[in-house]
Amino acid sequence: MSLEPRSPRTRSERFGGLLGPSLAGPAIPDHYKPAGRIRRSQPDKGSESKVVSMIVKSKKASRLVPEGPHVAKLVAVAGKPNDAEPKKVILRFKVEGHDDEVTKQVPVSFEQHAPLRHDAETLLGRQLTANEAEDGLDLQSLVGKAAQIVVGHKPGVGGKPIAAATLIQPVPPEDESRA
């Protein structure tokens, strides 16, 4: 029994011609081709590569308060999901020169290092005494107080960006006249 070397077969031959003439597979339809610069592998004589440009525009100008520190006034305090038995408190701030409000959500807790207590003390401009903390504080009494807020953008419903207060600080002395 003699063993003769077999001639190499192409991939197409091995699969009975099911793959078509190209090893790359079938041609890619035009709607799947990427936008941008398209180069032909073998351009026609006398023709050059075509350039396809794509221009993307936003639907509206962004009205978000820019990220960074801003002097703002507390305009509303609300409970979430309701004011009777809230699980979170929403603090709404108004930045001068901007239409949109900036919000901050904090858990309903008035313990020593809780964010709500820290923010209330910042807005009041002083530390709460132990008796004041035990008796509670009417959060509506904070409405109208000024603070410097640090604004950050985060994704909201449907991925649309919203402005949120990430930090509440006392108003700097040079900005007290604006507050």
Protein backbone atom coordinates (compact mmCIF):
# COMPACT_ATOMS: atom_id res chain seq x y z
CA MET A 1 0.00 0.00 0.00
CA SER A 2 1.56 3.24 -1.04
CA LEU A 3 0.74 6.59 0.39
CA GLU A 4 0.63 9.37 -2.10
CA PRO A 5 0.44 12.96 -0.90
CA ARG A 6 -2.94 14.53 -1.43
CA SER A 7 -3.21 17.79 -3.22
CA PRO A 8 -4.21 20.63 -0.95
CA ARG A 9 -7.84 21.59 -1.21
CA THR A 10 -9.25 25.05 -0.75
CA ARG A 11 -11.67 25.82 2.02
CA SER A 12 -14.43 26.15 -0.52
CA GLU A 13 -13.69 22.68 -1.89
CA ARG A 14 -13.63 21.15 1.59
CA PHE A 15 -17.13 22.44 2.30
CA GLY A 16 -18.56 21.50 -1.07
CA GLY A 17 -18.65 25.03 -2.43
CA LEU A 18 -21.07 26.18 0.28
CA LEU A 19 -18.86 29.07 1.35
CA GLY A 20 -18.79 30.78 -2.01
CA PRO A 21 -15.74 31.94 -3.92
CA SER A 22 -14.29 34.13 -1.17
CA LEU A 23 -12.86 33.03 2.16
CA ALA A 24 -14.22 36.25 3.66
CA GLY A 25 -17.78 35.11 3.12
CA PRO A 26 -20.61 36.81 1.28
CA ALA A 27 -20.49 40.49 0.34
CA ILE A 28 -21.55 42.96 3.04
CA PRO A 29 -24.76 44.88 2.21
CA ASP A 30 -24.36 48.66 1.87
CA HIS A 31 -26.45 49.46 4.95
CA TYR A 32 -23.97 47.53 7.14
CA LYS A 33 -20.89 49.37 5.91
CA PRO A 34 -19.41 51.95 8.30
CA ALA A 35 -19.90 55.64 7.65
CA GLY A 36 -16.89 57.82 7.11
CA ARG A 37 -14.03 57.39 4.68
CA ILE A 38 -14.68 54.53 2.32
CA ARG A 39 -11.83 53.17 0.25
CA ARG A 40 -12.33 50.86 -2.64
CA SER A 41 -9.90 47.98 -2.78
CA GLN A 42 -9.60 48.33 -6.56
CA PRO A 43 -10.75 51.79 -7.63
CA ASP A 44 -11.97 52.24 -11.19
CA LYS A 45 -9.50 53.83 -13.50
CA GLY A 46 -9.73 57.61 -13.36
CA SER A 47 -11.80 57.61 -10.15
CA GLU A 48 -10.67 58.35 -6.62
CA SER A 49 -11.85 57.17 -3.24
CA LYS A 50 -15.19 58.60 -2.19
CA VAL A 51 -15.47 60.46 1.09
CA VAL A 52 -18.78 60.20 2.94
CA SER A 53 -19.21 62.56 5.88
CA MET A 54 -21.59 62.23 8.78
CA ILE A 55 -22.80 65.30 10.69
CA VAL A 56 -24.50 64.78 14.03
CA LYS A 57 -26.30 67.65 15.79
CA SER A 58 -28.06 67.85 19.12
CA LYS A 59 -31.77 68.48 19.06
CA LYS A 60 -31.68 71.30 21.62
CA ALA A 61 -29.06 73.45 23.20
CA SER A 62 -28.16 72.10 26.62
CA ARG A 63 -29.90 74.03 29.37
CA LEU A 64 -28.23 72.16 32.21
CA VAL A 65 -26.48 74.11 34.92
CA PRO A 66 -22.76 73.66 34.14
CA GLU A 67 -20.73 71.35 36.34
CA GLY A 68 -18.75 73.00 39.12
CA PRO A 69 -19.39 75.25 42.14
CA HIS A 70 -22.36 77.67 42.08
CA VAL A 71 -24.04 79.87 44.67
CA ALA A 72 -27.66 78.77 44.97
CA LYS A 73 -30.76 79.16 47.15
CA LEU A 74 -32.82 76.30 48.52
CA VAL A 75 -36.28 76.76 46.96
CA ALA A 76 -38.10 73.57 48.00
CA VAL A 77 -37.90 70.51 50.20
CA ALA A 78 -39.98 67.44 49.36
CA GLY A 79 -40.30 63.88 50.58
CA LYS A 80 -40.01 60.86 48.34
CA PRO A 81 -42.27 58.91 47.72
CA ASN A 82 -44.53 61.28 49.71
CA ASP A 83 -44.24 63.97 52.38
CA ALA A 84 -46.17 61.95 55.01
CA GLU A 85 -43.76 58.99 55.19
CA PRO A 86 -40.65 59.84 53.17
CA LYS A 87 -37.79 57.44 52.61
CA LYS A 88 -35.68 60.18 51.00
CA VAL A 89 -35.66 63.97 51.06
CA ILE A 90 -35.23 65.96 47.85
CA LEU A 91 -33.57 69.36 48.24
CA ARG A 92 -34.21 71.66 45.24
CA PHE A 93 -31.82 74.54 44.58
CA LYS A 94 -32.12 77.48 42.18
CA VAL A 95 -28.92 78.83 40.61
CA GLU A 96 -29.09 82.47 39.53
CA GLY A 97 -29.15 82.86 35.75
CA HIS A 98 -30.38 79.31 35.06
CA ASP A 99 -33.93 78.08 34.51
CA ASP A 100 -33.47 74.49 35.66
CA GLU A 101 -33.39 73.50 39.32
CA VAL A 102 -30.60 71.40 40.77
CA THR A 103 -31.63 68.61 43.13
CA LYS A 104 -29.98 66.54 45.82
CA GLN A 105 -31.55 63.38 47.25
CA VAL A 106 -30.56 62.24 50.73
CA PRO A 107 -31.88 59.50 53.02
CA VAL A 108 -34.20 60.52 55.84
CA SER A 109 -31.80 60.25 58.76
CA PHE A 110 -30.77 62.89 61.24
CA GLU A 111 -28.02 60.91 62.97
CA GLN A 112 -24.68 62.56 63.79
CA HIS A 113 -22.92 61.97 60.44
CA ALA A 114 -25.94 61.63 58.16
CA PRO A 115 -25.92 63.65 54.91
CA LEU A 116 -29.26 65.33 55.68
CA ARG A 117 -28.01 66.60 59.04
CA HIS A 118 -24.74 67.81 57.50
CA ASP A 119 -26.62 69.67 54.74
CA ALA A 120 -29.07 71.20 57.25
CA GLU A 121 -26.18 72.42 59.43
CA THR A 122 -24.45 73.88 56.37
CA LEU A 123 -27.59 75.77 55.36
CA LEU A 124 -28.12 77.02 58.93
CA GLY A 125 -24.48 78.04 59.23
CA ARG A 126 -24.02 76.34 62.61
CA GLN A 127 -23.91 72.96 64.34
CA LEU A 128 -27.16 71.63 65.80
CA THR A 129 -27.23 71.00 69.52
CA ALA A 130 -28.10 67.53 70.82
CA ASN A 131 -31.52 68.80 71.96
CA GLU A 132 -32.26 70.36 68.55
CA ALA A 133 -31.33 67.13 66.80
CA GLU A 134 -33.50 65.03 69.15
CA ASP A 135 -36.48 67.38 68.84
CA GLY A 136 -36.11 67.47 65.08
CA LEU A 137 -35.86 70.31 62.62
CA ASP A 138 -38.58 71.61 60.34
CA LEU A 139 -36.88 71.30 56.95
CA GLN A 140 -39.23 73.90 55.45
CA SER A 141 -37.50 76.49 57.68
CA LEU A 142 -34.38 76.00 55.51
CA VAL A 143 -36.14 77.21 52.33
CA GLY A 144 -34.61 80.50 51.17
CA LYS A 145 -31.18 79.81 52.69
CA ALA A 146 -28.15 80.18 50.42
CA ALA A 147 -25.25 77.77 49.96
CA GLN A 148 -22.52 76.98 47.51
CA ILE A 149 -23.39 73.76 45.72
CA VAL A 150 -21.11 71.66 43.57
CA VAL A 151 -23.05 70.55 40.49
CA GLY A 152 -22.38 67.31 38.66
CA HIS A 153 -24.20 65.76 35.72
CA LYS A 154 -25.60 62.25 36.00
CA PRO A 155 -27.87 60.14 33.81
CA GLY A 156 -31.56 60.57 34.51
CA VAL A 157 -34.62 58.81 33.14
CA GLY A 158 -33.89 57.37 29.70
CA GLY A 159 -30.22 58.34 29.92
CA LYS A 160 -30.95 62.07 29.58
CA PRO A 161 -28.41 63.97 31.69
CA ILE A 162 -29.62 65.92 34.73
CA ALA A 163 -27.83 68.37 37.02
CA ALA A 164 -27.47 67.17 40.61
CA ALA A 165 -25.91 68.79 43.67
CA THR A 166 -23.09 66.52 44.78
CA LEU A 167 -21.91 68.69 47.68
CA ILE A 168 -23.36 71.54 49.73
CA GLN A 169 -20.91 74.01 51.30
CA PRO A 170 -21.20 77.37 53.07
CA VAL A 171 -21.27 80.42 50.83
CA PRO A 172 -17.73 81.82 50.43
CA PRO A 173 -17.30 85.36 51.88
CA GLU A 174 -16.65 86.89 48.44
CA ASP A 175 -19.99 85.51 47.15
CA GLU A 176 -22.19 86.47 50.13
CA SER A 177 -23.42 89.57 48.32
CA ARG A 178 -24.83 87.36 45.51
CA ALA A 179 -26.62 85.00 47.90
